[in-house]
């Protein structure tokens, strides 16, 4: 079976784009969604997924709490 997505970045772009504006999520929640679309990301760090999110969707997501790894989609 061929995976639909071929990278963490592609999965993050898809997930963030389909979220409604105002959605709040934790870094672990985002990683769980990425793993559903791209199973090869199962053993990567949450920080790797968050880094890709900041690179790909920087203006669309705002960090609410660094300590709790809480983010909100703003655009």
N, C-alpha and C. Protein backbone atom coordinates (compact mmCIF):
# COMPACT_ATOMS: atom_id res chain seq x y z
N UNK A 1 0.84 -1.18 0.00
CA UNK A 1 0.00 0.00 0.00
C UNK A 1 0.88 1.25 0.00
N UNK A 2 0.60 2.14 -0.90
CA UNK A 2 1.40 3.37 -1.01
C UNK A 2 0.80 4.45 -0.13
N UNK A 3 1.65 5.15 0.62
CA UNK A 3 1.19 6.24 1.49
C UNK A 3 0.72 7.40 0.64
N UNK A 4 -0.28 8.09 1.14
CA UNK A 4 -0.82 9.23 0.43
C UNK A 4 0.15 10.41 0.48
N UNK A 5 0.83 10.56 1.60
CA UNK A 5 1.77 11.66 1.77
C UNK A 5 3.19 11.11 1.82
N UNK A 6 4.13 11.89 1.33
CA UNK A 6 5.51 11.41 1.24
C UNK A 6 6.47 12.13 2.17
N UNK A 7 5.93 13.04 3.00
CA UNK A 7 6.80 13.75 3.94
C UNK A 7 6.01 14.30 5.12
N UNK A 8 6.74 14.64 6.17
CA UNK A 8 6.11 15.26 7.33
C UNK A 8 5.56 16.63 6.93
N UNK A 9 6.32 17.38 6.16
CA UNK A 9 5.90 18.73 5.77
C UNK A 9 4.60 18.70 4.97
N UNK A 10 4.46 17.77 4.05
CA UNK A 10 3.23 17.68 3.25
C UNK A 10 2.04 17.35 4.14
N UNK A 11 2.24 16.47 5.12
CA UNK A 11 1.18 16.11 6.04
C UNK A 11 0.78 17.30 6.90
N UNK A 12 1.76 18.03 7.40
CA UNK A 12 1.49 19.20 8.24
C UNK A 12 0.72 20.25 7.44
N UNK A 13 1.13 20.50 6.22
CA UNK A 13 0.43 21.49 5.38
C UNK A 13 -1.04 21.10 5.21
N UNK A 14 -1.29 19.85 4.91
CA UNK A 14 -2.66 19.37 4.72
C UNK A 14 -3.49 19.52 5.99
N UNK A 15 -2.95 19.11 7.12
CA UNK A 15 -3.68 19.15 8.39
C UNK A 15 -3.98 20.58 8.81
N UNK A 16 -2.99 21.45 8.76
CA UNK A 16 -3.20 22.84 9.17
C UNK A 16 -4.18 23.53 8.23
N UNK A 17 -4.09 23.27 6.95
CA UNK A 17 -4.99 23.91 5.99
C UNK A 17 -6.44 23.50 6.18
N UNK A 18 -6.69 22.27 6.61
CA UNK A 18 -8.07 21.82 6.77
C UNK A 18 -8.68 22.19 8.13
N UNK A 19 -7.86 22.68 9.08
CA UNK A 19 -8.37 23.10 10.39
C UNK A 19 -9.19 24.38 10.24
N UNK A 20 -10.31 24.47 10.97
CA UNK A 20 -11.05 25.74 10.97
C UNK A 20 -10.27 26.82 11.74
N UNK A 21 -10.46 28.05 11.37
CA UNK A 21 -9.81 29.17 12.06
C UNK A 21 -10.24 29.16 13.52
N UNK A 22 -9.29 29.38 14.42
CA UNK A 22 -9.58 29.40 15.85
C UNK A 22 -9.35 28.07 16.55
N UNK A 23 -9.01 27.03 15.81
CA UNK A 23 -8.77 25.71 16.39
C UNK A 23 -7.51 25.76 17.25
N UNK A 24 -7.62 25.24 18.48
CA UNK A 24 -6.46 25.13 19.36
C UNK A 24 -6.02 23.68 19.42
N UNK A 25 -4.71 23.47 19.42
CA UNK A 25 -4.19 22.10 19.44
C UNK A 25 -2.83 22.08 20.11
N UNK A 26 -2.48 20.92 20.63
CA UNK A 26 -1.18 20.70 21.25
C UNK A 26 -0.24 20.08 20.22
N UNK A 27 1.04 20.18 20.48
CA UNK A 27 2.03 19.59 19.58
C UNK A 27 1.83 18.09 19.42
N UNK A 28 1.50 17.39 20.50
CA UNK A 28 1.27 15.95 20.42
C UNK A 28 0.07 15.62 19.56
N UNK A 29 -0.97 16.45 19.62
CA UNK A 29 -2.16 16.23 18.79
C UNK A 29 -1.79 16.33 17.31
N UNK A 30 -0.99 17.33 16.98
CA UNK A 30 -0.56 17.50 15.59
C UNK A 30 0.26 16.30 15.13
N UNK A 31 1.16 15.84 15.98
CA UNK A 31 1.98 14.69 15.60
C UNK A 31 1.12 13.46 15.37
N UNK A 32 0.11 13.22 16.21
CA UNK A 32 -0.78 12.06 16.04
C UNK A 32 -1.48 12.12 14.69
N UNK A 33 -1.92 13.30 14.29
CA UNK A 33 -2.58 13.46 12.99
C UNK A 33 -1.61 13.23 11.84
N UNK A 34 -0.39 13.71 11.99
CA UNK A 34 0.64 13.51 10.96
C UNK A 34 0.93 12.01 10.80
N UNK A 35 1.04 11.29 11.90
CA UNK A 35 1.33 9.85 11.83
C UNK A 35 0.21 9.09 11.13
N UNK A 36 -1.04 9.54 11.29
CA UNK A 36 -2.16 8.90 10.58
C UNK A 36 -2.00 9.02 9.07
N UNK A 37 -1.49 10.17 8.62
CA UNK A 37 -1.32 10.40 7.18
C UNK A 37 0.01 9.90 6.65
N UNK A 38 1.03 9.94 7.49
CA UNK A 38 2.39 9.57 7.08
C UNK A 38 3.00 8.68 8.17
N UNK A 39 2.71 7.38 8.15
CA UNK A 39 3.15 6.47 9.22
C UNK A 39 4.66 6.45 9.47
N UNK A 40 5.47 6.81 8.52
CA UNK A 40 6.92 6.82 8.72
C UNK A 40 7.35 7.84 9.77
N UNK A 41 6.46 8.77 10.12
CA UNK A 41 6.78 9.79 11.13
C UNK A 41 6.53 9.30 12.55
N UNK A 42 6.19 8.04 12.68
CA UNK A 42 5.84 7.46 13.99
C UNK A 42 6.91 7.69 15.04
N UNK A 43 8.17 7.55 14.67
CA UNK A 43 9.27 7.64 15.64
C UNK A 43 9.99 8.98 15.65
N UNK A 44 9.47 9.97 14.93
CA UNK A 44 10.12 11.28 14.95
C UNK A 44 9.72 12.03 16.22
N UNK A 45 10.48 13.04 16.56
CA UNK A 45 10.17 13.87 17.72
C UNK A 45 9.02 14.82 17.39
N UNK A 46 8.26 15.19 18.42
CA UNK A 46 7.20 16.18 18.25
C UNK A 46 7.81 17.49 17.75
N UNK A 47 9.00 17.81 18.22
CA UNK A 47 9.67 19.04 17.80
C UNK A 47 9.90 19.07 16.29
N UNK A 48 10.16 17.93 15.70
CA UNK A 48 10.35 17.87 14.24
C UNK A 48 9.08 18.29 13.52
N UNK A 49 7.94 17.80 13.98
CA UNK A 49 6.65 18.15 13.38
C UNK A 49 6.37 19.64 13.58
N UNK A 50 6.63 20.15 14.78
CA UNK A 50 6.40 21.56 15.05
C UNK A 50 7.33 22.46 14.23
N UNK A 51 8.56 22.02 14.03
CA UNK A 51 9.49 22.79 13.20
C UNK A 51 8.98 22.89 11.77
N UNK A 52 8.49 21.77 11.25
CA UNK A 52 7.93 21.79 9.89
C UNK A 52 6.70 22.69 9.83
N UNK A 53 5.89 22.69 10.89
CA UNK A 53 4.72 23.57 10.93
C UNK A 53 5.15 25.03 10.89
N UNK A 54 6.17 25.38 11.65
CA UNK A 54 6.64 26.77 11.66
C UNK A 54 7.22 27.16 10.31
N UNK A 55 7.92 26.23 9.65
CA UNK A 55 8.50 26.52 8.34
C UNK A 55 7.43 26.70 7.27
N UNK A 56 6.42 25.83 7.29
CA UNK A 56 5.42 25.80 6.21
C UNK A 56 4.23 26.71 6.44
N UNK A 57 3.81 26.87 7.68
CA UNK A 57 2.58 27.59 7.98
C UNK A 57 2.77 28.63 9.08
N UNK A 58 3.87 29.36 9.01
CA UNK A 58 4.24 30.30 10.06
C UNK A 58 3.19 31.37 10.31
N UNK A 59 2.65 31.99 9.30
CA UNK A 59 1.68 33.06 9.48
C UNK A 59 0.29 32.59 9.83
N UNK A 60 0.03 31.31 9.74
CA UNK A 60 -1.32 30.79 9.96
C UNK A 60 -1.52 30.21 11.36
N UNK A 61 -0.42 30.00 12.09
CA UNK A 61 -0.50 29.37 13.41
C UNK A 61 0.24 30.25 14.41
N UNK A 62 -0.38 30.44 15.59
CA UNK A 62 0.23 31.25 16.64
C UNK A 62 0.43 30.39 17.89
N UNK A 63 1.58 30.54 18.52
CA UNK A 63 1.88 29.82 19.75
C UNK A 63 1.19 30.55 20.90
N UNK A 64 0.36 29.83 21.64
CA UNK A 64 -0.33 30.40 22.80
C UNK A 64 0.48 30.17 24.06
N UNK A 65 1.03 28.96 24.21
CA UNK A 65 1.80 28.62 25.40
C UNK A 65 2.95 27.69 25.01
N UNK A 66 4.17 28.17 25.20
CA UNK A 66 5.35 27.36 24.91
C UNK A 66 5.44 26.20 25.91
N UNK A 67 5.16 26.49 27.17
CA UNK A 67 5.27 25.47 28.22
C UNK A 67 4.30 24.31 28.00
N UNK A 68 3.10 24.60 27.49
CA UNK A 68 2.11 23.54 27.26
C UNK A 68 2.07 23.09 25.81
N UNK A 69 2.89 23.67 24.96
CA UNK A 69 2.92 23.37 23.53
C UNK A 69 1.54 23.52 22.92
N UNK A 70 0.92 24.66 23.20
CA UNK A 70 -0.44 24.94 22.74
C UNK A 70 -0.40 25.97 21.62
N UNK A 71 -1.10 25.68 20.54
CA UNK A 71 -1.11 26.52 19.34
C UNK A 71 -2.54 26.80 18.93
N UNK A 72 -2.74 27.91 18.16
CA UNK A 72 -4.04 28.26 17.63
C UNK A 72 -3.89 28.64 16.17
N UNK A 73 -4.81 28.15 15.36
CA UNK A 73 -4.81 28.57 13.95
C UNK A 73 -5.48 29.92 13.86
N UNK A 74 -4.78 30.89 13.30
CA UNK A 74 -5.29 32.26 13.24
C UNK A 74 -5.69 32.71 11.84
N UNK A 75 -5.25 32.03 10.82
CA UNK A 75 -5.61 32.44 9.45
C UNK A 75 -5.86 31.22 8.59
